[in-house]
Amino acid sequence: YEESMRVPLLVRCPALVKPGTKVKEVIQNVDIAPTFLACAGLSKPAQMQGNSFLPILRGQPGGTPDRPWRDRAFYEYYWE
């Protein structure tokens, strides 16, 4: 199922992201909205899932000292 997990995402913002940056961390689709909010200087609502990966795009470690960025994701494919 690796092909289902590896979905390309292109980011272009020279002020925030160095050209040619490749992210190795596990980013999920639920992380996109919190990242957009962080870029706009807004906090994510408490009920929103996911985390901003803006620090990772900036070349900094993601997560917090007590809760580092995820290194795996659960994926379930349901067919019929």
N, C-alpha and C. Protein backbone atom coordinates (compact mmCIF):
# COMPACT_ATOMS: atom_id res chain seq x y z
N TYR A 1 0.81 -1.21 0.00
CA TYR A 1 0.00 0.00 0.00
C TYR A 1 0.85 1.27 0.00
N GLU A 2 2.15 1.10 -0.18
CA GLU A 2 3.02 2.27 -0.10
C GLU A 2 2.64 3.35 -1.11
N GLU A 3 2.18 2.97 -2.28
CA GLU A 3 1.80 3.96 -3.28
C GLU A 3 0.66 4.84 -2.80
N SER A 4 -0.22 4.28 -1.97
CA SER A 4 -1.33 5.07 -1.42
C SER A 4 -0.85 6.04 -0.35
N MET A 5 0.26 5.73 0.26
CA MET A 5 0.78 6.58 1.34
C MET A 5 1.65 7.71 0.80
N ARG A 6 2.25 7.52 -0.33
CA ARG A 6 3.19 8.51 -0.86
C ARG A 6 2.50 9.36 -1.93
N VAL A 7 1.88 10.43 -1.48
CA VAL A 7 1.20 11.34 -2.38
C VAL A 7 2.04 12.61 -2.48
N PRO A 8 2.42 13.03 -3.67
CA PRO A 8 3.28 14.21 -3.79
C PRO A 8 2.55 15.49 -3.40
N LEU A 9 3.30 16.39 -2.81
CA LEU A 9 2.78 17.71 -2.46
C LEU A 9 3.89 18.70 -2.77
N LEU A 10 3.61 19.65 -3.62
CA LEU A 10 4.59 20.67 -3.97
C LEU A 10 4.29 21.94 -3.18
N VAL A 11 5.34 22.52 -2.63
CA VAL A 11 5.21 23.75 -1.86
C VAL A 11 6.16 24.77 -2.45
N ARG A 12 5.66 25.94 -2.73
CA ARG A 12 6.53 27.01 -3.22
C ARG A 12 6.26 28.26 -2.41
N CYS A 13 7.21 28.60 -1.61
CA CYS A 13 7.17 29.82 -0.82
C CYS A 13 8.62 30.15 -0.44
N PRO A 14 9.35 30.81 -1.34
CA PRO A 14 10.77 31.05 -1.11
C PRO A 14 11.09 31.73 0.22
N ALA A 15 10.15 32.49 0.77
CA ALA A 15 10.38 33.16 2.05
C ALA A 15 10.39 32.17 3.22
N LEU A 16 9.76 31.01 3.05
CA LEU A 16 9.65 30.02 4.14
C LEU A 16 10.39 28.73 3.87
N VAL A 17 10.45 28.32 2.61
CA VAL A 17 10.98 27.00 2.26
C VAL A 17 12.12 27.15 1.26
N LYS A 18 13.26 26.54 1.58
CA LYS A 18 14.38 26.57 0.65
C LYS A 18 14.05 25.74 -0.59
N PRO A 19 14.38 26.25 -1.77
CA PRO A 19 14.15 25.45 -2.98
C PRO A 19 14.86 24.10 -2.91
N GLY A 20 14.19 23.06 -3.38
CA GLY A 20 14.78 21.73 -3.37
C GLY A 20 14.59 20.97 -2.08
N THR A 21 13.88 21.55 -1.12
CA THR A 21 13.65 20.87 0.16
C THR A 21 12.84 19.60 -0.06
N LYS A 22 13.29 18.51 0.54
CA LYS A 22 12.55 17.24 0.52
C LYS A 22 12.29 16.84 1.96
N VAL A 23 11.04 16.62 2.28
CA VAL A 23 10.63 16.26 3.63
C VAL A 23 10.62 14.74 3.77
N LYS A 24 11.31 14.23 4.76
CA LYS A 24 11.37 12.78 5.00
C LYS A 24 10.36 12.34 6.06
N GLU A 25 9.85 13.28 6.85
CA GLU A 25 8.91 12.95 7.91
C GLU A 25 7.58 12.47 7.33
N VAL A 26 6.81 11.79 8.15
CA VAL A 26 5.49 11.28 7.75
C VAL A 26 4.47 12.42 7.91
N ILE A 27 4.01 12.93 6.78
CA ILE A 27 3.01 14.00 6.77
C ILE A 27 1.70 13.38 6.29
N GLN A 28 0.61 13.71 6.95
CA GLN A 28 -0.70 13.19 6.54
C GLN A 28 -1.57 14.32 6.02
N ASN A 29 -2.62 13.95 5.30
CA ASN A 29 -3.51 14.98 4.74
C ASN A 29 -4.14 15.84 5.83
N VAL A 30 -4.31 15.32 7.05
CA VAL A 30 -4.90 16.12 8.14
C VAL A 30 -3.92 17.19 8.63
N ASP A 31 -2.67 17.15 8.20
CA ASP A 31 -1.68 18.15 8.60
C ASP A 31 -1.69 19.38 7.70
N ILE A 32 -2.35 19.29 6.56
CA ILE A 32 -2.32 20.40 5.61
C ILE A 32 -3.06 21.63 6.12
N ALA A 33 -4.28 21.48 6.60
CA ALA A 33 -5.05 22.63 7.09
C ALA A 33 -4.35 23.31 8.27
N PRO A 34 -3.86 22.58 9.29
CA PRO A 34 -3.14 23.26 10.36
C PRO A 34 -1.89 24.00 9.87
N THR A 35 -1.26 23.49 8.82
CA THR A 35 -0.09 24.15 8.26
C THR A 35 -0.49 25.46 7.58
N PHE A 36 -1.58 25.44 6.82
CA PHE A 36 -2.05 26.67 6.20
C PHE A 36 -2.43 27.71 7.25
N LEU A 37 -3.07 27.27 8.32
CA LEU A 37 -3.42 28.19 9.40
C LEU A 37 -2.17 28.79 10.03
N ALA A 38 -1.15 27.96 10.26
CA ALA A 38 0.11 28.45 10.84
C ALA A 38 0.77 29.46 9.91
N CYS A 39 0.73 29.22 8.61
CA CYS A 39 1.29 30.16 7.65
C CYS A 39 0.58 31.51 7.71
N ALA A 40 -0.71 31.48 8.02
CA ALA A 40 -1.51 32.70 8.13
C ALA A 40 -1.40 33.34 9.51
N GLY A 41 -0.63 32.69 10.42
CA GLY A 41 -0.47 33.24 11.76
C GLY A 41 -1.63 32.92 12.68
N LEU A 42 -2.41 31.90 12.34
CA LEU A 42 -3.58 31.53 13.14
C LEU A 42 -3.33 30.20 13.86
N SER A 43 -3.99 30.01 14.98
CA SER A 43 -3.91 28.75 15.72
C SER A 43 -4.96 27.80 15.18
N LYS A 44 -4.65 26.51 15.25
CA LYS A 44 -5.66 25.55 14.81
C LYS A 44 -6.70 25.38 15.92
N PRO A 45 -7.95 25.17 15.55
CA PRO A 45 -8.99 24.92 16.54
C PRO A 45 -8.70 23.63 17.32
N ALA A 46 -9.12 23.57 18.55
CA ALA A 46 -8.85 22.40 19.40
C ALA A 46 -9.41 21.11 18.81
N GLN A 47 -10.55 21.20 18.12
CA GLN A 47 -11.17 19.99 17.59
C GLN A 47 -10.54 19.53 16.27
N MET A 48 -9.63 20.31 15.71
CA MET A 48 -9.02 19.95 14.43
C MET A 48 -7.92 18.92 14.62
N GLN A 49 -7.94 17.89 13.80
CA GLN A 49 -6.89 16.87 13.84
C GLN A 49 -5.69 17.35 13.05
N GLY A 50 -4.57 16.70 13.25
CA GLY A 50 -3.36 17.03 12.51
C GLY A 50 -2.54 18.10 13.18
N ASN A 51 -1.34 18.31 12.65
CA ASN A 51 -0.41 19.29 13.19
C ASN A 51 0.25 20.04 12.05
N SER A 52 0.64 21.26 12.32
CA SER A 52 1.33 22.04 11.31
C SER A 52 2.72 21.46 11.07
N PHE A 53 3.09 21.30 9.81
CA PHE A 53 4.44 20.87 9.48
C PHE A 53 5.28 22.04 8.96
N LEU A 54 4.85 23.25 9.30
CA LEU A 54 5.61 24.44 8.92
C LEU A 54 7.03 24.42 9.47
N PRO A 55 7.25 24.02 10.74
CA PRO A 55 8.64 23.94 11.22
C PRO A 55 9.49 22.98 10.38
N ILE A 56 8.90 21.88 9.96
CA ILE A 56 9.63 20.90 9.15
C ILE A 56 9.99 21.51 7.79
N LEU A 57 9.06 22.26 7.20
CA LEU A 57 9.35 22.93 5.94
C LEU A 57 10.47 23.95 6.09
N ARG A 58 10.58 24.53 7.27
CA ARG A 58 11.63 25.52 7.54
C ARG A 58 12.96 24.87 7.90
N GLY A 59 12.98 23.52 7.95
CA GLY A 59 14.21 22.81 8.28
C GLY A 59 14.43 22.59 9.75
N GLN A 60 13.41 22.83 10.55
CA GLN A 60 13.48 22.63 12.00
C GLN A 60 12.82 21.30 12.35
N PRO A 61 13.10 20.77 13.54
CA PRO A 61 12.41 19.54 13.93
C PRO A 61 10.92 19.81 14.16
N GLY A 62 10.10 18.84 13.81
CA GLY A 62 8.66 18.96 14.02
C GLY A 62 8.27 18.42 15.38
N GLY A 63 7.06 18.68 15.78
CA GLY A 63 6.58 18.22 17.07
C GLY A 63 7.09 19.09 18.21
N THR A 64 7.04 18.54 19.40
CA THR A 64 7.52 19.23 20.59
C THR A 64 8.48 18.31 21.33
N PRO A 65 9.26 18.84 22.27
CA PRO A 65 10.18 17.97 23.01
C PRO A 65 9.49 16.79 23.69
N ASP A 66 8.30 17.01 24.24
CA ASP A 66 7.60 15.93 24.92
C ASP A 66 6.75 15.08 23.97
N ARG A 67 6.58 15.55 22.74
CA ARG A 67 5.80 14.81 21.74
C ARG A 67 6.40 15.02 20.36
N PRO A 68 7.43 14.22 20.02
CA PRO A 68 8.08 14.41 18.73
C PRO A 68 7.17 14.07 17.55
N TRP A 69 7.58 14.48 16.37
CA TRP A 69 6.79 14.23 15.16
C TRP A 69 6.63 12.73 14.94
N ARG A 70 5.50 12.33 14.40
CA ARG A 70 5.22 10.90 14.18
C ARG A 70 6.23 10.29 13.22
N ASP A 71 6.50 9.02 13.44
CA ASP A 71 7.41 8.30 12.54
C ASP A 71 6.69 7.16 11.81
N ARG A 72 5.38 7.09 11.95
CA ARG A 72 4.59 6.09 11.26
C ARG A 72 3.13 6.55 11.22
N ALA A 73 2.37 5.92 10.35
CA ALA A 73 0.95 6.23 10.22
C ALA A 73 0.18 4.93 10.03
N PHE A 74 -1.03 4.89 10.54
CA PHE A 74 -1.90 3.75 10.35
C PHE A 74 -2.74 4.00 9.10
N TYR A 75 -2.77 3.01 8.23
CA TYR A 75 -3.52 3.13 6.99
C TYR A 75 -4.34 1.87 6.81
N GLU A 76 -5.63 2.04 6.61
CA GLU A 76 -6.49 0.88 6.39
C GLU A 76 -7.22 1.08 5.08
N TYR A 77 -7.13 0.11 4.22
CA TYR A 77 -7.81 0.17 2.94
C TYR A 77 -9.01 -0.77 2.99
N TYR A 78 -10.17 -0.23 2.78
CA TYR A 78 -11.39 -1.04 2.82
C TYR A 78 -11.90 -1.20 1.41
N TRP A 79 -12.05 -2.41 0.98
CA TRP A 79 -12.55 -2.69 -0.35
C TRP A 79 -13.91 -3.36 -0.24
N GLU A 80 -14.94 -2.70 -0.65
CA GLU A 80 -16.32 -3.18 -0.66
C GLU A 80 -16.71 -3.64 0.70
